[in-house]
C-alpha atoms as a PDB file:
ATOM      1  CA  MET A   1      80.249  97.191 157.757  1.00  0.00           C
ATOM      2  CA  GLN A   2      77.143  95.090 158.544  1.00  0.00           C
ATOM      3  CA  ARG A   3      79.197  92.842 160.775  1.00  0.00           C
ATOM      4  CA  PHE A   4      80.593  95.852 162.645  1.00  0.00           C
ATOM      5  CA  ARG A   5      77.050  97.190 163.178  1.00  0.00           C
ATOM      6  CA  LYS A   6      75.923  93.815 164.511  1.00  0.00           C
ATOM      7  CA  ILE A   7      78.809  93.752 166.974  1.00  0.00           C
ATOM      8  CA  ILE A   8      78.052  97.289 168.171  1.00  0.00           C
ATOM      9  CA  LEU A   9      74.317  96.593 168.416  1.00  0.00           C
ATOM     10  CA  GLY A  10      74.956  93.315 170.281  1.00  0.00           C
ATOM     11  CA  GLY A  11      77.262  95.092 172.731  1.00  0.00           C
ATOM     12  CA  ALA A  12      74.690  97.828 173.328  1.00  0.00           C
ATOM     13  CA  ILE A  13      71.943  95.279 173.982  1.00  0.00           C
ATOM     14  CA  LEU A  14      74.199  93.387 176.382  1.00  0.00           C
ATOM     15  CA  ALA A  15      75.067  96.590 178.231  1.00  0.00           C
ATOM     16  CA  LEU A  16      71.410  97.582 178.505  1.00  0.00           C
ATOM     17  CA  ALA A  17      70.492  94.134 179.799  1.00  0.00           C
ATOM     18  CA  ALA A  18      73.300  94.143 182.370  1.00  0.00           C
ATOM     19  CA  GLY A  19      72.180  97.459 183.905  1.00  0.00           C
ATOM     20  CA  PRO A  20      68.887  96.253 185.437  1.00  0.00           C
ATOM     21  CA  MET A  21      70.520  93.032 186.641  1.00  0.00           C
ATOM     22  CA  THR A  22      73.239  95.016 188.384  1.00  0.00           C
ATOM     23  CA  MET A  23      70.666  97.271 190.018  1.00  0.00           C
ATOM     24  CA  ALA A  24      68.671  94.228 191.136  1.00  0.00           C
ATOM     25  CA  LEU A  25      71.774  92.842 192.850  1.00  0.00           C
ATOM     26  CA  VAL A  26      72.490  96.185 194.528  1.00  0.00           C
ATOM     27  CA  ASN A  27      68.875  96.481 195.697  1.00  0.00           C
ATOM     28  CA  ALA A  28      68.925  92.909 196.982  1.00  0.00           C
ATOM     29  CA  GLN A  29      72.044  93.677 198.997  1.00  0.00           C
ATOM     30  CA  ASP A  30      70.486  96.870 200.415  1.00  0.00           C
ATOM     31  CA  SER A  31      67.350  95.024 201.486  1.00  0.00           C
ATOM     32  CA  THR A  32      69.394  92.574 203.564  1.00  0.00           C
ATOM     33  CA  THR A  33      71.190  95.337 205.450  1.00  0.00           C
ATOM     34  CA  GLU A  34      69.823  96.001 208.912  1.00  0.00           C
ATOM     35  CA  PRO A  35      68.374  99.524 209.248  1.00  0.00           C
ATOM     36  CA  ALA A  36      70.344 100.202 212.445  1.00  0.00           C
ATOM     37  CA  LYS A  37      73.623  99.575 210.625  1.00  0.00           C
ATOM     38  CA  ARG A  38      72.703 101.380 207.433  1.00  0.00           C
ATOM     39  CA  PRO A  39      74.523 104.673 208.280  1.00  0.00           C
ATOM     40  CA  PHE A  40      77.746 102.691 208.502  1.00  0.00           C
ATOM     41  CA  ALA A  41      77.033 100.766 205.330  1.00  0.00           C
ATOM     42  CA  ARG A  42      76.507 103.885 203.258  1.00  0.00           C
ATOM     43  CA  GLY A  43      79.775 105.337 202.091  1.00  0.00           C
ATOM     44  CA  ALA A  44      81.760 103.086 204.367  1.00  0.00           C
ATOM     45  CA  ARG A  45      84.378 102.596 201.671  1.00  0.00           C
ATOM     46  CA  MET A  46      85.645 105.655 199.921  1.00  0.00           C
ATOM     47  CA  HIS A  47      88.328 105.634 197.243  1.00  0.00           C
ATOM     48  CA  GLY A  48      89.091 101.964 197.724  1.00  0.00           C
ATOM     49  CA  GLY A  49      89.637 102.098 201.486  1.00  0.00           C
ATOM     50  CA  TYR A  50      87.575 102.283 204.620  1.00  0.00           C
ATOM     51  CA  ALA A  51      86.601 105.614 206.154  1.00  0.00           C
ATOM     52  CA  GLY A  52      85.071 106.632 209.466  1.00  0.00           C
ATOM     53  CA  ALA A  53      83.517 104.434 212.094  1.00  0.00           C
ATOM     54  CA  PRO A  54      83.920 101.068 210.299  1.00  0.00           C
ATOM     55  CA  LEU A  55      87.657 101.271 210.992  1.00  0.00           C
ATOM     56  CA  ILE A  56      86.818 101.853 214.633  1.00  0.00           C
ATOM     57  CA  SER A  57      84.585  98.776 214.601  1.00  0.00           C
ATOM     58  CA  ILE A  58      87.384  96.764 212.999  1.00  0.00           C
ATOM     59  CA  ALA A  59      89.842  97.973 215.634  1.00  0.00           C
ATOM     60  CA  LEU A  60      87.418  97.023 218.412  1.00  0.00           C
ATOM     61  CA  LYS A  61      86.888  93.587 216.857  1.00  0.00           C
ATOM     62  CA  HIS A  62      90.648  93.000 216.819  1.00  0.00           C
ATOM     63  CA  LYS A  63      91.455  94.656 220.144  1.00  0.00           C
ATOM     64  CA  SER A  64      93.525  91.731 221.401  1.00  0.00           C
ATOM     65  CA  GLU A  65      95.632  91.556 218.209  1.00  0.00           C
ATOM     66  CA  LEU A  66      96.196  95.319 218.381  1.00  0.00           C
ATOM     67  CA  GLY A  67      96.964  95.197 222.088  1.00  0.00           C
ATOM     68  CA  LEU A  68      94.405  97.867 222.972  1.00  0.00           C
ATOM     69  CA  THR A  69      94.204  98.945 226.594  1.00  0.00           C
ATOM     70  CA  GLU A  70      90.885  99.169 228.434  1.00  0.00           C
ATOM     71  CA  ASP A  71      91.044 102.967 228.164  1.00  0.00           C
ATOM     72  CA  GLN A  72      91.595 102.780 224.415  1.00  0.00           C
ATOM     73  CA  VAL A  73      88.668 100.375 224.012  1.00  0.00           C
ATOM     74  CA  ALA A  74      86.429 102.651 226.087  1.00  0.00           C
ATOM     75  CA  ASN A  75      87.492 105.722 224.100  1.00  0.00           C
ATOM     76  CA  LEU A  76      86.946 103.973 220.753  1.00  0.00           C
ATOM     77  CA  GLU A  77      83.496 102.857 221.876  1.00  0.00           C
ATOM     78  CA  LYS A  78      82.687 106.460 222.873  1.00  0.00           C
ATOM     79  CA  VAL A  79      83.790 107.679 219.436  1.00  0.00           C
ATOM     80  CA  LYS A  80      81.650 105.015 217.769  1.00  0.00           C
ATOM     81  CA  GLN A  81      78.579 105.819 219.874  1.00  0.00           C
ATOM     82  CA  HIS A  82      79.015 109.553 219.261  1.00  0.00           C
ATOM     83  CA  TYR A  83      79.260 108.920 215.524  1.00  0.00           C
ATOM     84  CA  GLN A  84      76.136 106.766 215.532  1.00  0.00           C
ATOM     85  CA  SER A  85      74.138 109.323 217.496  1.00  0.00           C
ATOM     86  CA  GLN A  86      75.123 112.089 215.071  1.00  0.00           C
ATOM     87  CA  VAL A  87      74.654 110.121 211.860  1.00  0.00           C
ATOM     88  CA  THR A  88      71.267 108.526 212.504  1.00  0.00           C
ATOM     89  CA  PRO A  89      69.108 111.701 212.386  1.00  0.00           C
ATOM     90  CA  ILE A  90      70.943 113.076 209.346  1.00  0.00           C
ATOM     91  CA  HIS A  91      70.575 109.755 207.559  1.00  0.00           C
ATOM     92  CA  GLN A  92      66.837 109.795 208.324  1.00  0.00           C
ATOM     93  CA  GLN A  93      66.586 113.328 206.935  1.00  0.00           C
ATOM     94  CA  LEU A  94      68.400 112.230 203.796  1.00  0.00           C
ATOM     95  CA  MET A  95      66.046 109.287 203.280  1.00  0.00           C
ATOM     96  CA  ALA A  96      62.989 111.512 203.798  1.00  0.00           C
ATOM     97  CA  ASN A  97      64.454 113.970 201.296  1.00  0.00           C
ATOM     98  CA  GLU A  98      64.952 111.183 198.728  1.00  0.00           C
ATOM     99  CA  LYS A  99      61.343 110.067 199.188  1.00  0.00           C
ATOM    100  CA  GLU A 100      60.197 113.645 198.663  1.00  0.00           C
ATOM    101  CA  ILE A 101      62.211 113.848 195.429  1.00  0.00           C
ATOM    102  CA  ALA A 102      60.614 110.604 194.248  1.00  0.00           C
ATOM    103  CA  GLY A 103      57.169 112.021 195.025  1.00  0.00           C
ATOM    104  CA  LEU A 104      57.912 115.239 193.166  1.00  0.00           C
ATOM    105  CA  MET A 105      59.098 113.283 190.138  1.00  0.00           C
ATOM    106  CA  GLU A 106      55.811 111.358 189.981  1.00  0.00           C
ATOM    107  CA  GLN A 107      53.872 114.573 189.440  1.00  0.00           C
ATOM    108  CA  SER A 108      53.091 115.572 185.907  1.00  0.00           C
ATOM    109  CA  PRO A 109      54.537 117.990 185.045  1.00  0.00           C
ATOM    110  CA  ALA A 110      57.344 117.728 187.575  1.00  0.00           C
ATOM    111  CA  ASN A 111      58.259 120.903 189.453  1.00  0.00           C
ATOM    112  CA  LEU A 112      61.922 121.092 188.490  1.00  0.00           C
ATOM    113  CA  ILE A 113      62.660 124.002 190.805  1.00  0.00           C
ATOM    114  CA  GLN A 114      61.495 122.052 193.859  1.00  0.00           C
ATOM    115  CA  ILE A 115      63.325 118.936 192.684  1.00  0.00           C
ATOM    116  CA  LYS A 116      66.553 120.905 192.261  1.00  0.00           C
ATOM    117  CA  THR A 117      66.177 122.404 195.739  1.00  0.00           C
ATOM    118  CA  ARG A 118      65.639 118.955 197.270  1.00  0.00           C
ATOM    119  CA  ILE A 119      68.657 117.555 195.408  1.00  0.00           C
ATOM    120  CA  GLN A 120      70.804 120.391 196.775  1.00  0.00           C
ATOM    121  CA  ASP A 121      69.481 119.680 200.270  1.00  0.00           C
ATOM    122  CA  GLY A 122      70.411 116.028 199.838  1.00  0.00           C
ATOM    123  CA  GLU A 123      73.955 116.961 198.888  1.00  0.00           C
ATOM    124  CA  LYS A 124      74.246 119.037 202.064  1.00  0.00           C
ATOM    125  CA  TYR A 125      73.232 115.984 204.095  1.00  0.00           C
ATOM    126  CA  ARG A 126      75.707 113.786 202.214  1.00  0.00           C
ATOM    127  CA  SER A 127      78.564 116.219 202.765  1.00  0.00           C
ATOM    128  CA  GLU A 128      77.726 116.401 206.480  1.00  0.00           C
ATOM    129  CA  LEU A 129      77.750 112.595 206.689  1.00  0.00           C
ATOM    130  CA  ARG A 130      81.091 112.474 204.900  1.00  0.00           C
ATOM    131  CA  TYR A 131      82.583 115.010 207.289  1.00  0.00           C
ATOM    132  CA  MET A 132      81.279 113.036 210.277  1.00  0.00           C
ATOM    133  CA  ARG A 133      82.938 109.863 208.954  1.00  0.00           C
ATOM    134  CA  ILE A 134      86.241 111.696 208.602  1.00  0.00           C
ATOM    135  CA  GLU A 135      85.868 113.241 212.052  1.00  0.00           C
ATOM    136  CA  ALA A 136      85.165 109.822 213.609  1.00  0.00           C
ATOM    137  CA  LEU A 137      88.185 108.357 211.826  1.00  0.00           C
ATOM    138  CA  GLU A 138      90.462 111.108 213.117  1.00  0.00           C
ATOM    139  CA  ASN A 139      89.068 110.796 216.634  1.00  0.00           C
ATOM    140  CA  GLY A 140      89.678 107.053 216.487  1.00  0.00           C
ATOM    141  CA  ARG A 141      93.214 107.532 215.213  1.00  0.00           C
ATOM    142  CA  SER A 142      94.001 109.889 218.082  1.00  0.00           C
ATOM    143  CA  VAL A 143      93.234 107.082 220.570  1.00  0.00           C
ATOM    144  CA  LEU A 144      95.667 104.635 218.940  1.00  0.00           C
ATOM    145  CA  THR A 145      99.443 104.645 219.037  1.00  0.00           C
ATOM    146  CA  ALA A 146     101.503 104.831 215.851  1.00  0.00           C
ATOM    147  CA  VAL A 147     102.243 101.090 216.009  1.00  0.00           C
ATOM    148  CA  GLN A 148      98.590 100.156 216.464  1.00  0.00           C
END
């Protein structure tokens, strides 16, 4: 029984130690991301695949392999620019909202009602960003042929 407890305790300590290291790696990766590209970086991969404008960027990068016409390239670039112009202000609002939540949490005692309201606001922004990614993906798909 003592041996079993030692194994469990050792596993728990290892898991607790791995958490901060994982977060440090994630934070290090976020700090190297350029701010202008951050809206694309956030949520770019959903459910194991790519979603939204990154696929458009990939298609534009491989335009010769896909055999894209000049019209298709121009239309994909319009979709990408439209997506970027829509996403940037919402992403900024989301970041400001997260900073406000952090500020509210530093107060003692924390105003839980305000924190809950800000969290709900943040989820509205996230759902809007998700919809915009899906919309950009569909708009990009409509420009391509079935073979492409």
